[in-house]
N, C-alpha and C. Protein backbone atom coordinates (compact mmCIF):
# COMPACT_ATOMS: atom_id res chain seq x y z
N MET A 1 -23.43 -1.72 7.98
CA MET A 1 -23.88 -2.62 7.13
C MET A 1 -22.70 -3.63 7.29
N PRO A 2 -22.95 -4.94 7.27
CA PRO A 2 -21.85 -5.84 7.32
C PRO A 2 -21.01 -5.99 5.97
N ALA A 3 -19.59 -6.31 5.99
CA ALA A 3 -18.95 -6.67 4.94
C ALA A 3 -19.51 -7.52 3.84
N SER A 4 -20.22 -8.46 4.40
CA SER A 4 -20.65 -9.53 3.52
C SER A 4 -21.44 -8.82 2.86
N MET A 5 -22.35 -7.57 2.94
CA MET A 5 -23.50 -7.03 2.14
C MET A 5 -22.52 -6.22 1.17
N MET A 6 -21.34 -5.68 1.22
CA MET A 6 -20.57 -4.92 0.33
C MET A 6 -19.82 -5.45 -0.35
N PRO A 7 -19.64 -5.96 -1.55
CA PRO A 7 -18.55 -7.03 -1.99
C PRO A 7 -17.26 -6.28 -2.10
N GLY A 8 -15.94 -7.08 -1.85
CA GLY A 8 -14.93 -6.15 -1.67
C GLY A 8 -14.39 -5.49 -0.57
N MET A 9 -15.12 -5.59 0.58
CA MET A 9 -14.72 -4.47 1.65
C MET A 9 -14.29 -5.64 2.64
N PRO A 10 -13.25 -5.04 3.37
CA PRO A 10 -12.54 -5.82 4.26
C PRO A 10 -13.42 -6.41 5.19
N ASP A 11 -12.82 -7.74 5.89
CA ASP A 11 -13.71 -8.34 7.02
C ASP A 11 -13.79 -7.80 8.15
N PRO A 12 -14.65 -7.94 9.23
CA PRO A 12 -14.70 -7.23 10.34
C PRO A 12 -13.21 -7.38 11.05
N GLY A 13 -12.73 -6.29 11.72
CA GLY A 13 -11.35 -6.27 12.58
C GLY A 13 -9.85 -6.21 11.67
N THR A 14 -10.65 -5.85 10.17
CA THR A 14 -9.47 -5.70 9.18
C THR A 14 -10.07 -4.25 8.88
N HIS A 15 -9.14 -3.37 8.49
CA HIS A 15 -9.27 -2.08 7.79
C HIS A 15 -8.37 -1.77 6.51
N ARG A 16 -9.01 -1.20 5.49
CA ARG A 16 -8.18 -0.64 4.30
C ARG A 16 -7.50 0.56 4.44
N LEU A 17 -6.13 -0.03 4.40
CA LEU A 17 -5.12 1.09 4.58
C LEU A 17 -4.87 1.78 3.35
N TYR A 18 -5.13 2.95 3.12
CA TYR A 18 -5.11 3.78 1.86
C TYR A 18 -3.66 4.62 1.57
N LEU A 19 -2.66 4.33 0.80
CA LEU A 19 -1.41 5.56 0.96
C LEU A 19 -1.43 5.84 -0.53
N GLU A 20 -1.29 7.56 -0.57
CA GLU A 20 -0.66 7.60 -1.73
C GLU A 20 0.89 7.71 -2.17
N VAL A 21 1.58 7.09 -3.24
CA VAL A 21 2.99 7.05 -3.09
C VAL A 21 3.49 7.89 -4.36
N VAL A 22 4.39 8.73 -4.37
CA VAL A 22 4.80 9.32 -5.54
C VAL A 22 6.18 9.03 -5.70
N LEU A 23 6.30 8.27 -6.97
CA LEU A 23 7.44 8.10 -7.56
C LEU A 23 8.27 8.93 -8.13
N SER A 24 9.61 8.95 -8.26
CA SER A 24 10.24 9.78 -9.20
C SER A 24 11.50 9.12 -9.59
N ASP A 25 11.77 9.60 -10.99
CA ASP A 25 12.95 8.86 -11.54
C ASP A 25 14.07 9.78 -11.30
N LEU A 26 14.77 9.97 -10.46
CA LEU A 26 16.01 10.77 -10.38
C LEU A 26 17.23 10.63 -11.22
N GLY A 27 17.09 9.30 -11.66
CA GLY A 27 18.50 8.59 -12.59
C GLY A 27 18.80 9.21 -13.88
N VAL A 28 19.33 8.26 -14.78
CA VAL A 28 19.57 9.05 -15.81
C VAL A 28 19.10 7.84 -16.90
N ALA A 29 18.51 6.84 -16.60
CA ALA A 29 17.81 5.58 -17.29
C ALA A 29 16.17 5.52 -16.84
N SER A 30 15.59 4.83 -17.48
CA SER A 30 14.40 4.33 -17.23
C SER A 30 14.34 3.54 -16.02
N ALA A 31 13.38 3.50 -15.12
CA ALA A 31 13.20 2.99 -13.63
C ALA A 31 11.56 2.29 -14.10
N SER A 32 11.60 1.10 -13.64
CA SER A 32 10.25 0.07 -13.84
C SER A 32 9.72 0.05 -12.51
N TYR A 33 8.42 -0.07 -12.33
CA TYR A 33 8.01 -0.61 -11.11
C TYR A 33 6.62 -1.57 -11.35
N ALA A 34 5.97 -2.00 -10.26
CA ALA A 34 5.14 -3.20 -10.37
C ALA A 34 4.25 -3.16 -9.16
N PRO A 35 2.94 -3.77 -9.34
CA PRO A 35 2.15 -3.82 -7.78
C PRO A 35 2.88 -4.83 -6.94
N GLN A 36 3.25 -5.83 -7.39
CA GLN A 36 3.69 -7.16 -6.48
C GLN A 36 4.89 -6.63 -5.61
N GLU A 37 5.66 -5.61 -6.35
CA GLU A 37 6.81 -5.21 -5.51
C GLU A 37 6.40 -4.20 -3.75
N PHE A 38 5.06 -3.93 -3.74
CA PHE A 38 4.68 -3.08 -2.47
C PHE A 38 4.00 -4.13 -1.85
N SER A 39 4.41 -3.88 -0.41
CA SER A 39 3.92 -4.58 0.67
C SER A 39 3.85 -3.58 1.90
N VAL A 40 3.30 -4.07 3.28
CA VAL A 40 3.40 -3.29 3.99
C VAL A 40 4.07 -4.66 5.28
N ARG A 41 4.87 -4.20 6.27
CA ARG A 41 5.53 -4.86 7.22
C ARG A 41 5.28 -4.03 8.52
N SER A 42 4.95 -5.25 9.45
CA SER A 42 4.65 -4.99 11.09
C SER A 42 5.89 -5.13 11.71
N PRO A 43 6.21 -4.64 12.89
CA PRO A 43 7.79 -4.49 13.65
C PRO A 43 7.78 -5.98 13.99
N ALA A 44 6.74 -7.21 13.94
CA ALA A 44 6.99 -8.38 14.26
C ALA A 44 7.27 -9.21 12.89
N GLY A 45 7.35 -8.59 11.93
CA GLY A 45 7.72 -9.24 10.77
C GLY A 45 6.53 -9.82 9.67
N ARG A 46 5.11 -9.50 10.60
CA ARG A 46 4.10 -10.01 9.49
C ARG A 46 4.13 -8.92 8.16
N GLU A 47 3.85 -9.50 6.98
CA GLU A 47 3.57 -8.58 5.83
C GLU A 47 2.42 -8.61 4.97
N TRP A 48 1.64 -7.83 4.67
CA TRP A 48 0.83 -7.96 3.65
C TRP A 48 1.02 -7.21 2.64
N PRO A 49 0.57 -8.07 1.30
CA PRO A 49 0.50 -7.62 0.04
C PRO A 49 -0.52 -6.50 -0.46
N LEU A 50 0.13 -5.89 -1.32
CA LEU A 50 -0.99 -4.96 -1.92
C LEU A 50 -2.37 -5.64 -2.39
N ASN A 51 -3.12 -5.02 -2.12
CA ASN A 51 -4.83 -5.55 -2.55
C ASN A 51 -4.92 -6.01 -3.97
N GLU A 52 -5.48 -6.93 -4.43
CA GLU A 52 -5.35 -7.20 -5.82
C GLU A 52 -6.90 -6.95 -6.59
N PRO A 53 -7.49 -6.67 -7.43
CA PRO A 53 -6.34 -6.09 -8.35
C PRO A 53 -5.81 -4.60 -7.79
N ALA A 54 -4.66 -4.33 -8.27
CA ALA A 54 -4.24 -2.97 -7.68
C ALA A 54 -4.44 -2.02 -8.53
N SER A 55 -4.62 -0.77 -8.30
CA SER A 55 -5.13 -0.01 -8.91
C SER A 55 -4.19 0.72 -10.13
N PHE A 56 -3.10 0.18 -10.31
CA PHE A 56 -2.22 0.37 -11.29
C PHE A 56 -1.36 -1.07 -11.92
N GLY A 57 -1.06 -0.85 -12.81
CA GLY A 57 -0.35 -1.83 -13.56
C GLY A 57 1.46 -1.69 -13.60
N ARG A 58 2.04 -2.72 -14.01
CA ARG A 58 3.45 -2.69 -14.21
C ARG A 58 3.63 -1.44 -15.24
N GLY A 59 4.84 -0.41 -14.89
CA GLY A 59 5.24 0.39 -15.84
C GLY A 59 6.61 1.00 -15.61
N SER A 60 6.62 2.06 -15.93
CA SER A 60 8.13 2.47 -16.08
C SER A 60 8.02 4.04 -16.13
N LEU A 61 9.09 4.66 -15.86
CA LEU A 61 9.34 6.20 -15.89
C LEU A 61 10.39 6.43 -16.42
N ALA A 62 10.56 7.67 -17.16
CA ALA A 62 11.70 8.05 -17.97
C ALA A 62 12.51 9.22 -17.13
N PRO A 63 13.73 9.18 -17.17
CA PRO A 63 14.39 10.18 -16.33
C PRO A 63 13.75 11.41 -16.11
N GLY A 64 13.46 12.08 -14.82
CA GLY A 64 12.72 13.03 -14.63
C GLY A 64 11.18 13.11 -14.45
N GLN A 65 10.92 11.92 -15.12
CA GLN A 65 9.31 11.72 -14.80
C GLN A 65 9.11 11.61 -13.34
N THR A 66 7.63 11.69 -12.85
CA THR A 66 7.06 11.36 -11.40
C THR A 66 5.50 10.77 -11.68
N ARG A 67 5.43 9.87 -11.05
CA ARG A 67 3.93 9.24 -10.99
C ARG A 67 3.41 9.07 -9.55
N SER A 68 1.93 9.31 -9.40
CA SER A 68 1.75 9.14 -8.17
C SER A 68 0.86 7.61 -8.18
N LEU A 69 0.95 7.02 -7.05
CA LEU A 69 0.29 5.72 -6.95
C LEU A 69 -0.68 5.30 -5.98
N ASP A 70 -1.86 4.87 -6.01
CA ASP A 70 -2.52 4.83 -4.77
C ASP A 70 -2.50 3.11 -4.48
N LEU A 71 -2.23 3.04 -3.14
CA LEU A 71 -1.67 1.81 -2.80
C LEU A 71 -2.92 1.30 -1.66
N LEU A 72 -3.57 0.04 -1.72
CA LEU A 72 -4.41 -0.25 -0.83
C LEU A 72 -3.86 -1.73 -0.12
N PHE A 73 -4.06 -1.86 1.29
CA PHE A 73 -3.85 -2.79 1.96
C PHE A 73 -5.01 -3.18 2.78
N ASP A 74 -5.17 -4.49 3.04
CA ASP A 74 -6.35 -5.08 4.01
C ASP A 74 -5.65 -5.55 5.39
N VAL A 75 -5.36 -4.44 6.44
CA VAL A 75 -4.60 -4.88 7.63
C VAL A 75 -5.52 -5.21 8.81
N PRO A 76 -4.98 -5.80 9.58
CA PRO A 76 -5.69 -5.95 11.14
C PRO A 76 -5.82 -4.75 11.76
N ASP A 77 -7.08 -4.40 12.53
CA ASP A 77 -7.09 -3.16 13.17
C ASP A 77 -6.21 -3.21 14.24
N SER A 78 -5.57 -4.17 14.59
CA SER A 78 -4.66 -4.16 15.82
C SER A 78 -3.15 -3.69 15.46
N GLU A 79 -3.13 -3.54 14.04
CA GLU A 79 -1.66 -2.86 13.67
C GLU A 79 -1.72 -1.59 13.58
N SER A 80 -0.92 -0.80 14.23
CA SER A 80 -0.95 0.65 14.03
C SER A 80 0.53 1.33 13.75
N ARG A 81 1.53 0.41 13.74
CA ARG A 81 2.89 0.84 13.06
C ARG A 81 3.07 -0.17 12.09
N LEU A 82 3.37 0.34 10.79
CA LEU A 82 3.62 -0.46 9.82
C LEU A 82 4.61 0.33 9.02
N ASP A 83 5.56 -0.43 7.95
CA ASP A 83 6.47 -0.16 7.24
C ASP A 83 6.06 -0.22 6.01
N LEU A 84 5.84 0.66 4.89
CA LEU A 84 5.59 0.61 3.61
C LEU A 84 6.97 -0.05 2.96
N VAL A 85 7.12 -1.01 2.46
CA VAL A 85 8.24 -1.67 1.81
C VAL A 85 7.94 -1.93 0.30
N TRP A 86 9.13 -1.38 -0.40
CA TRP A 86 9.09 -1.29 -2.00
C TRP A 86 10.39 -2.08 -2.07
N ALA A 87 10.22 -3.36 -2.70
CA ALA A 87 11.24 -4.54 -3.08
C ALA A 87 11.48 -4.70 -4.45
N HIS A 88 12.46 -4.02 -5.04
CA HIS A 88 12.91 -3.92 -6.34
C HIS A 88 14.04 -3.90 -6.78
N GLY A 89 14.47 -4.95 -7.72
CA GLY A 89 15.71 -4.89 -8.13
C GLY A 89 16.75 -5.39 -7.17
N GLY A 90 16.14 -6.46 -6.52
CA GLY A 90 16.77 -6.88 -5.40
C GLY A 90 17.62 -6.41 -4.23
N ALA A 91 16.75 -4.96 -4.17
CA ALA A 91 16.87 -4.26 -2.90
C ALA A 91 15.61 -3.85 -2.48
N ALA A 92 15.46 -3.37 -1.27
CA ALA A 92 14.09 -3.00 -0.41
C ALA A 92 14.42 -1.77 0.20
N GLY A 93 13.45 -0.83 0.48
CA GLY A 93 13.57 0.26 1.27
C GLY A 93 12.37 0.28 1.73
N SER A 94 12.25 0.89 2.97
CA SER A 94 10.98 1.32 3.64
C SER A 94 10.52 2.29 4.28
N LEU A 95 9.84 2.59 4.86
CA LEU A 95 9.20 3.84 5.21
C LEU A 95 8.03 3.65 6.27
N GLY A 96 8.24 4.18 7.52
CA GLY A 96 7.33 3.89 8.59
C GLY A 96 6.16 4.70 8.54
N ILE A 97 5.15 4.32 8.78
CA ILE A 97 4.02 4.72 8.64
C ILE A 97 2.89 4.59 9.73
N ASP A 98 1.93 5.64 9.99
CA ASP A 98 1.01 5.30 11.10
C ASP A 98 -0.30 4.68 10.36
N ALA A 99 -0.45 3.57 10.86
CA ALA A 99 -1.55 2.56 10.34
C ALA A 99 -3.23 2.38 11.10
N ARG A 100 -2.98 3.39 11.88
CA ARG A 100 -4.16 3.51 12.64
C ARG A 100 -5.19 3.43 12.03
N PRO A 101 -6.34 2.50 12.27
CA PRO A 101 -7.74 2.73 11.35
C PRO A 101 -8.37 3.94 11.92
N PRO A 102 -9.36 4.45 10.80
CA PRO A 102 -9.64 5.84 11.00
C PRO A 102 -11.14 5.43 12.25
N PRO A 103 -11.37 6.85 12.76
CA PRO A 103 -12.34 6.52 13.86
C PRO A 103 -13.77 6.11 13.45
N PRO A 104 -14.58 5.45 14.29
CA PRO A 104 -15.78 4.99 13.73
C PRO A 104 -16.74 6.18 13.36
N HIS A 105 -17.35 5.75 11.95
CA HIS A 105 -18.39 7.06 11.39
C HIS A 105 -19.72 6.78 11.92
N GLN A 106 -19.94 7.80 12.55
CA GLN A 106 -21.74 7.59 12.96
C GLN A 106 -22.21 8.56 11.90
N HIS A 107 -23.43 7.79 11.81
CA HIS A 107 -24.54 8.48 10.94
C HIS A 107 -25.75 9.33 11.96
N GLY A 108 -26.13 10.37 11.54
CA GLY A 108 -26.69 11.16 12.63
C GLY A 108 -28.28 10.97 12.36
């Protein structure tokens, strides 16, 4: 079924990358987070923001608290190596991820 018949689906040549991230506050003060702080970046420097609307809003963690977040990005099928970037409080951290699209799904 073409993407045009499924509102919200990525365009042809693009896949929806799903990442589950677990944030933990290991400090002694509350720590905040927001959807616009997350993106994925290619080795060539291209960057894709988190899909809007995000599956979560601004939030904060108390010391010792943990939260799982679902992150969705629409990226070109040609991108197989990406970094997940979290830019927060003037600093940025990144983590390499395998972003290959899933194999085609065959209906039998």
